[in-house]
Amino acid sequence: MWSLLNRKVIQVILHSVCLISLVFTHSVLYADTNKLPPILDLKTALSFASDHPRTRLNPEQQSIIPLQQPLFLGCHNLTFNNTTVSDAKRNTASTLLVEPVIQQELLILNAFLDVLLSDSSLIGINEDMAGTFISWDRAKIRQELKQNSELVVAKLEAEYQEVRQKYFSAQATQRLTRSILAQAINRPDELSSDLAPPLLLTSPKKLPEFSDLYAEALKNNSWIKTLAEKYNDDQMSLIKMDLRQQILELLLRITVLKSAADRAEAELYSRDLDLEMSRTLYEMEVRARIGKSMTLQSMARMEEERVKYCTTLAWAQLNALIGKPIMTQAIETKKAEETAQ
């Protein structure tokens, strides 16, 4: 019976691989290898920002063109999860307080990380589908042996079909995130099948002071200076208020994300231990819960990735506001490290 189950598992996995390959058939047909590399890295993706038509719009025009929302990241909701209203604008890495090209770089980074997270989501659901299939298949075998009722088999099949539907939904969403990225880099007819995981930004032990960041933004943000030449004092006062608010929110988000990272790490460690126990039980043929454990582990790993991606995105936004390249890693000075100890 175990060899039969193993064959079934292999069939499910092969079926899933075939389905994944179909997602990118359209992109293979229309992609021009002279434009996009086989594996798209973040540096290359960001290099397309200056050619995007959005960068040639004025602020008023930009505000009326809807932005594509991330489908998985939801960094504002992840951080401020005790609020009662979901703010789509705050979940997008867009700000009119930086140069249009820098704004487009943030949108590209947002879309790039969203694609990576969608891939992680599909992996977890695929494992869940394999696990529910095994349970359903085993129940059918036991029914033939008069050890299970038709009702038990029917319930397990319904569970499998529900997860299978989620798989197709996740597969479609995976395609959708790639389409959003393709638009962000102004290559709407080219869907990148493979992305190279980027080097992520991390938080130093001691975070910078809000007043220092605000002063640095006023000094080094060239777009704020450009706006000052166009708007009157009252308008600039509102712009500076918005600048203060955005810097504060990002600094608070980074603070909370440090705690979220600890939670995600603890959850993943717990799931790793649970998976090891499940594998032992599987080998002993006491009970086979390895499929569910693998699914929970994948979900925990995805959540850990989400926290890391949101941390990177927050630092990138903060870097943009204070006039630094968006992927500048925060560097701790020796003095700051001594103060933190």
Protein backbone atom coordinates (compact mmCIF):
# COMPACT_ATOMS: atom_id res chain seq x y z
CA MET A 1 0.00 0.00 0.00
CA TRP A 2 2.88 2.37 0.82
CA SER A 3 4.45 1.88 -2.64
CA LEU A 4 1.10 2.69 -4.22
CA LEU A 5 0.85 5.87 -2.15
CA ASN A 6 4.37 6.88 -3.10
CA ARG A 7 3.50 6.47 -6.77
CA LYS A 8 0.44 8.63 -6.25
CA VAL A 9 2.49 11.32 -4.56
CA ILE A 10 4.93 11.35 -7.47
CA GLN A 11 2.01 11.64 -9.90
CA VAL A 12 0.63 14.64 -8.01
CA ILE A 13 4.02 16.35 -7.92
CA LEU A 14 4.65 15.74 -11.62
CA HIS A 15 1.17 17.01 -12.40
CA SER A 16 1.89 20.17 -10.40
CA VAL A 17 5.20 20.73 -12.17
CA CYS A 18 3.43 20.49 -15.52
CA LEU A 19 0.84 23.00 -14.36
CA ILE A 20 3.51 25.42 -13.21
CA SER A 21 5.26 25.22 -16.58
CA LEU A 22 2.03 26.11 -18.35
CA VAL A 23 1.84 29.41 -16.46
CA PHE A 24 4.74 30.79 -18.44
CA THR A 25 3.89 29.46 -21.92
CA HIS A 26 2.60 32.87 -22.99
CA SER A 27 5.77 34.63 -21.82
CA VAL A 28 8.00 32.15 -23.68
CA LEU A 29 6.10 32.78 -26.90
CA TYR A 30 6.34 36.57 -26.69
CA ALA A 31 9.56 37.20 -24.76
CA ASP A 32 12.52 38.72 -26.52
CA THR A 33 15.70 37.37 -24.95
CA ASN A 34 17.50 40.53 -26.01
CA LYS A 35 15.33 42.52 -23.62
CA LEU A 36 15.04 40.42 -20.50
CA PRO A 37 17.52 37.83 -19.21
CA PRO A 38 16.30 34.27 -18.54
CA ILE A 39 16.60 34.95 -14.80
CA LEU A 40 15.61 38.50 -13.91
CA ASP A 41 17.57 40.03 -11.04
CA LEU A 42 16.54 43.10 -9.06
CA LYS A 43 19.34 45.32 -10.37
CA THR A 44 18.24 44.70 -13.95
CA ALA A 45 14.59 45.22 -13.07
CA LEU A 46 15.35 48.56 -11.41
CA SER A 47 17.31 49.69 -14.47
CA PHE A 48 14.06 49.85 -16.45
CA ALA A 49 12.56 52.50 -14.15
CA SER A 50 13.75 55.53 -16.11
CA ASP A 51 12.03 54.31 -19.31
CA HIS A 52 8.58 53.96 -17.73
CA PRO A 53 5.95 56.40 -19.07
CA ARG A 54 4.75 57.11 -15.53
CA THR A 55 8.01 58.93 -14.83
CA ARG A 56 7.10 61.54 -17.45
CA LEU A 57 3.81 62.49 -15.79
CA ASN A 58 3.46 65.43 -13.45
CA PRO A 59 2.31 64.80 -9.84
CA GLU A 60 -1.31 65.66 -10.65
CA GLN A 61 -1.39 63.22 -13.56
CA GLN A 62 0.27 60.49 -11.50
CA SER A 63 -2.33 60.79 -8.77
CA ILE A 64 -5.20 59.94 -11.15
CA ILE A 65 -3.51 56.91 -12.71
CA PRO A 66 -4.33 53.90 -10.50
CA LEU A 67 -1.41 51.91 -9.13
CA GLN A 68 -1.34 48.12 -9.04
CA GLN A 69 -1.65 46.91 -5.46
CA PRO A 70 0.61 44.13 -4.13
CA LEU A 71 -1.31 40.87 -3.82
CA PHE A 72 0.74 39.22 -1.07
CA LEU A 73 2.94 41.70 0.79
CA GLY A 74 0.42 44.00 2.46
CA CYS A 75 3.17 45.50 4.63
CA HIS A 76 1.07 48.18 6.29
CA ASN A 77 -1.59 45.65 7.27
CA LEU A 78 1.09 43.25 8.50
CA THR A 79 2.56 45.91 10.76
CA PHE A 80 -0.51 47.75 11.99
CA ASN A 81 -2.74 44.68 12.23
CA ASN A 82 -4.79 46.10 15.10
CA THR A 83 -6.29 48.84 12.92
CA THR A 84 -9.85 48.42 11.67
CA VAL A 85 -9.45 49.89 8.19
CA SER A 86 -7.33 48.40 5.41
CA ASP A 87 -5.45 51.21 3.67
CA ALA A 88 -4.53 50.17 0.13
CA LYS A 89 -2.51 53.34 -0.44
CA ARG A 90 -0.28 52.61 2.53
CA ASN A 91 0.24 49.05 1.31
CA THR A 92 1.78 50.37 -1.90
CA ALA A 93 5.39 51.55 -1.95
CA SER A 94 4.39 54.72 -3.77
CA THR A 95 5.10 58.28 -2.71
CA LEU A 96 4.95 61.57 -4.59
CA LEU A 97 7.67 63.00 -2.35
CA VAL A 98 10.53 61.53 -4.39
CA GLU A 99 11.61 61.90 -8.00
CA PRO A 100 9.38 60.00 -10.47
CA VAL A 101 12.19 57.61 -11.42
CA ILE A 102 12.81 56.78 -7.74
CA GLN A 103 9.09 56.32 -7.25
CA GLN A 104 9.06 53.84 -10.13
CA GLU A 105 12.01 52.00 -8.60
CA LEU A 106 9.98 51.54 -5.42
CA LEU A 107 7.04 50.20 -7.42
CA ILE A 108 9.35 47.77 -9.23
CA LEU A 109 10.82 46.59 -5.93
CA ASN A 110 7.32 46.16 -4.54
CA ALA A 111 6.24 44.07 -7.54
CA PHE A 112 9.48 42.06 -7.58
CA LEU A 113 9.12 41.00 -3.94
CA ASP A 114 5.43 40.27 -4.47
CA VAL A 115 6.32 37.79 -7.21
CA LEU A 116 8.77 35.99 -4.91
CA LEU A 117 6.12 35.72 -2.22
CA SER A 118 3.55 34.40 -4.70
CA ASP A 119 5.99 31.63 -5.63
CA SER A 120 6.32 30.67 -1.96
CA SER A 121 2.54 30.60 -1.63
CA LEU A 122 2.19 28.18 -4.54
CA ILE A 123 4.79 25.83 -3.03
CA GLY A 124 2.87 25.62 0.24
CA ILE A 125 -0.47 24.98 -1.43
CA ASN A 126 1.09 22.37 -3.69
CA GLU A 127 2.33 20.48 -0.65
CA ASP A 128 -1.11 20.75 0.95
CA MET A 129 -2.72 19.39 -2.21
CA ALA A 130 -0.35 16.41 -2.22
CA GLY A 131 -1.13 15.72 1.45
CA THR A 132 -4.91 15.85 1.03
CA PHE A 133 -4.64 13.63 -2.04
CA ILE A 134 -2.74 11.01 -0.05
CA SER A 135 -5.43 11.01 2.66
CA TRP A 136 -8.20 10.68 0.09
CA ASP A 137 -6.38 7.91 -1.81
CA ARG A 138 -5.66 5.98 1.38
CA ALA A 139 -9.31 6.25 2.39
CA LYS A 140 -10.40 4.81 -0.97
CA ILE A 141 -8.09 1.83 -0.48
CA ARG A 142 -9.48 1.24 3.00
CA GLN A 143 -13.00 1.49 1.63
CA GLU A 144 -12.19 -1.33 -0.77
CA LEU A 145 -11.04 -3.30 2.25
CA LYS A 146 -14.34 -2.51 4.02
CA GLN A 147 -12.49 -0.38 6.59
CA ASN A 148 -13.96 2.97 5.58
CA SER A 149 -17.42 4.22 4.73
CA GLU A 150 -18.39 6.02 1.56
CA LEU A 151 -19.07 9.15 3.62
CA VAL A 152 -15.48 9.30 4.90
CA VAL A 153 -14.13 8.99 1.36
CA ALA A 154 -16.53 11.66 0.09
CA LYS A 155 -15.48 14.13 2.78
CA LEU A 156 -11.79 13.60 2.06
CA GLU A 157 -12.36 14.02 -1.66
CA ALA A 158 -14.22 17.29 -0.99
CA GLU A 159 -11.25 18.47 1.10
CA TYR A 160 -8.84 17.57 -1.68
CA GLN A 161 -10.93 19.34 -4.32
CA GLU A 162 -11.07 22.46 -2.13
CA VAL A 163 -7.27 22.58 -1.84
CA ARG A 164 -6.93 21.79 -5.54
CA GLN A 165 -9.10 24.81 -6.35
CA LYS A 166 -6.88 26.93 -4.09
CA TYR A 167 -3.89 25.66 -6.05
CA PHE A 168 -5.32 26.80 -9.37
CA SER A 169 -6.20 30.14 -7.77
CA ALA A 170 -2.64 30.53 -6.45
CA GLN A 171 -1.29 29.58 -9.86
CA ALA A 172 -3.38 32.28 -11.51
CA THR A 173 -2.27 34.80 -8.88
CA GLN A 174 1.34 33.83 -9.55
CA ARG A 175 0.78 34.76 -13.19
CA LEU A 176 -0.94 37.99 -12.14
CA THR A 177 1.96 39.15 -9.95
CA ARG A 178 4.31 38.62 -12.89
CA SER A 179 2.05 40.68 -15.09
CA ILE A 180 2.15 43.51 -12.52
CA LEU A 181 5.95 43.31 -12.48
CA ALA A 182 6.06 43.31 -16.28
CA GLN A 183 4.03 46.52 -16.32
CA ALA A 184 6.21 48.07 -13.61
CA ILE A 185 9.31 47.58 -15.79
CA ASN A 186 7.41 48.68 -18.92
CA ARG A 187 7.61 45.25 -20.52
CA PRO A 188 3.90 44.27 -20.43
CA ASP A 189 4.29 41.50 -23.02
CA GLU A 190 7.13 39.77 -21.18
CA LEU A 191 6.46 37.71 -18.07
CA SER A 192 9.61 36.67 -16.23
CA SER A 193 9.46 33.00 -15.31
CA ASP A 194 12.43 33.07 -12.93
CA LEU A 195 13.60 35.76 -10.53
CA ALA A 196 16.93 35.85 -8.74
CA PRO A 197 16.45 36.34 -4.98
CA PRO A 198 17.95 39.76 -4.11
CA LEU A 199 20.13 40.74 -1.20
CA LEU A 200 17.65 42.05 1.35
CA LEU A 201 17.98 45.09 3.59
CA THR A 202 18.12 44.49 7.34
CA SER A 203 17.62 46.67 10.39
CA PRO A 204 20.52 47.73 12.61
CA LYS A 205 20.37 47.10 16.34
CA LYS A 206 19.83 50.79 17.01
CA LEU A 207 17.40 52.58 14.72
CA PRO A 208 18.05 56.19 13.67
CA GLU A 209 16.18 59.00 15.40
CA PHE A 210 13.14 60.45 13.68
CA SER A 211 14.48 64.01 13.95
CA ASP A 212 17.74 62.99 12.26
CA LEU A 213 15.90 61.30 9.38
CA TYR A 214 13.59 64.28 8.88
CA ALA A 215 16.52 66.70 8.84
CA GLU A 216 18.36 64.48 6.36
CA ALA A 217 15.29 64.37 4.11
CA LEU A 218 14.98 68.16 4.05
CA LYS A 219 18.68 68.44 3.24
CA ASN A 220 19.14 65.66 0.66
CA ASN A 221 15.74 64.98 -0.94
CA SER A 222 16.17 66.81 -4.25
CA TRP A 223 12.51 66.38 -5.19
CA ILE A 224 11.35 68.30 -2.13
CA LYS A 225 13.61 71.14 -3.26
CA THR A 226 12.10 70.94 -6.75
CA LEU A 227 8.59 71.14 -5.32
CA ALA A 228 9.60 74.17 -3.24
CA GLU A 229 10.23 76.05 -6.49
CA LYS A 230 6.69 75.34 -7.71
CA TYR A 231 4.48 75.66 -4.65
CA ASN A 232 3.73 78.44 -2.19
CA ASP A 233 4.47 78.39 1.54
CA ASP A 234 1.12 76.87 2.54
CA GLN A 235 1.47 74.08 0.00
CA MET A 236 5.01 73.37 1.12
CA SER A 237 3.89 73.25 4.73
CA LEU A 238 1.45 70.48 3.79
CA ILE A 239 4.13 68.66 1.83
CA LYS A 240 6.50 68.78 4.77
CA MET A 241 3.75 67.52 7.07
CA ASP A 242 3.26 64.58 4.72
CA LEU A 243 7.02 64.01 4.67
CA ARG A 244 7.13 63.93 8.48
CA GLN A 245 4.19 61.51 8.56
CA GLN A 246 5.68 59.13 6.01
CA ILE A 247 9.05 59.03 7.76
CA LEU A 248 7.39 58.41 11.12
CA GLU A 249 5.18 55.62 9.77
CA LEU A 250 8.11 53.89 8.10
CA LEU A 251 10.24 54.13 11.25
CA LEU A 252 7.38 52.70 13.32
CA ARG A 253 6.83 49.98 10.72
CA ILE A 254 10.48 48.97 10.90
CA THR A 255 10.28 48.87 14.70
CA VAL A 256 7.27 46.56 14.67
CA LEU A 257 8.75 44.39 11.92
CA LYS A 258 11.74 43.64 14.14
CA SER A 259 9.28 42.07 16.59
CA ALA A 260 7.44 40.33 13.75
CA ALA A 261 10.74 38.81 12.64
CA ASP A 262 11.23 37.25 16.08
CA ARG A 263 7.71 35.82 15.95
CA ALA A 264 8.20 34.43 12.43
CA GLU A 265 11.53 32.85 13.40
CA ALA A 266 9.99 31.16 16.45
CA GLU A 267 7.06 29.88 14.41
CA LEU A 268 9.33 28.46 11.71
CA TYR A 269 11.52 26.75 14.31
CA SER A 270 8.43 25.16 15.85
CA ARG A 271 7.27 23.95 12.43
CA ASP A 272 10.72 22.55 11.65
CA LEU A 273 10.60 20.47 14.84
CA ASP A 274 7.07 19.33 14.08
CA LEU A 275 8.13 18.24 10.59
CA GLU A 276 11.04 16.22 11.97
CA MET A 277 8.67 14.45 14.35
CA SER A 278 6.23 13.78 11.55
CA ARG A 279 8.97 12.28 9.40
CA THR A 280 9.93 9.95 12.23
CA LEU A 281 6.33 8.84 12.67
CA TYR A 282 6.02 8.41 8.91
CA GLU A 283 9.06 6.15 8.79
CA MET A 284 7.69 4.15 11.74
CA GLU A 285 4.35 3.84 9.89
CA VAL A 286 2.52 4.89 13.05
CA ARG A 287 0.68 7.71 11.31
CA ALA A 288 1.33 9.82 8.25
CA ARG A 289 0.90 13.51 9.04
CA ILE A 290 4.01 14.59 7.20
CA GLY A 291 2.03 16.28 4.42
CA LYS A 292 0.25 18.64 6.81
CA SER A 293 3.48 19.37 8.66
CA MET A 294 5.21 20.24 5.40
CA THR A 295 2.35 22.59 4.54
CA LEU A 296 2.52 24.35 7.90
CA GLN A 297 6.28 24.64 7.59
CA SER A 298 5.93 26.22 4.15
CA MET A 299 3.38 28.69 5.49
CA ALA A 300 5.72 29.62 8.35
CA ARG A 301 8.62 30.08 5.92
CA MET A 302 6.44 32.24 3.70
CA GLU A 303 5.51 34.44 6.65
CA GLU A 304 9.18 34.81 7.57
CA GLU A 305 9.93 35.83 3.99
CA ARG A 306 7.04 38.32 4.05
CA VAL A 307 8.47 40.02 7.13
CA LYS A 308 11.93 40.22 5.53
CA TYR A 309 10.51 41.60 2.29
CA CYS A 310 8.44 44.20 4.12
CA THR A 311 11.51 45.23 6.12
CA THR A 312 13.45 45.66 2.89
CA LEU A 313 10.63 47.65 1.35
CA ALA A 314 10.33 49.94 4.39
CA TRP A 315 14.05 50.71 4.36
CA ALA A 316 13.93 51.29 0.60
CA GLN A 317 11.10 53.79 1.03
CA LEU A 318 12.92 55.50 3.88
CA ASN A 319 16.12 55.66 1.85
CA ALA A 320 14.21 57.30 -1.00
CA LEU A 321 12.72 59.94 1.28
CA ILE A 322 16.08 60.91 2.77
CA GLY A 323 17.80 61.08 -0.60
CA LYS A 324 19.72 57.79 -0.68
CA PRO A 325 19.63 55.01 -3.33
CA ILE A 326 16.74 52.78 -2.36
CA MET A 327 18.78 49.62 -1.76
CA THR A 328 21.29 51.30 0.58
CA GLN A 329 21.90 49.09 3.62
CA ALA A 330 21.59 50.86 6.96
CA ILE A 331 25.06 50.89 8.51
CA GLU A 332 25.59 50.92 12.25
CA THR A 333 28.36 53.14 13.48
CA LYS A 334 30.62 51.94 16.26
CA LYS A 335 29.13 54.56 18.54
CA ALA A 336 25.59 53.36 17.83
CA GLU A 337 26.57 49.76 18.55
CA GLU A 338 28.14 50.76 21.86
CA THR A 339 25.02 52.69 22.81
CA ALA A 340 22.81 49.69 22.02
CA GLN A 341 24.86 47.35 24.24
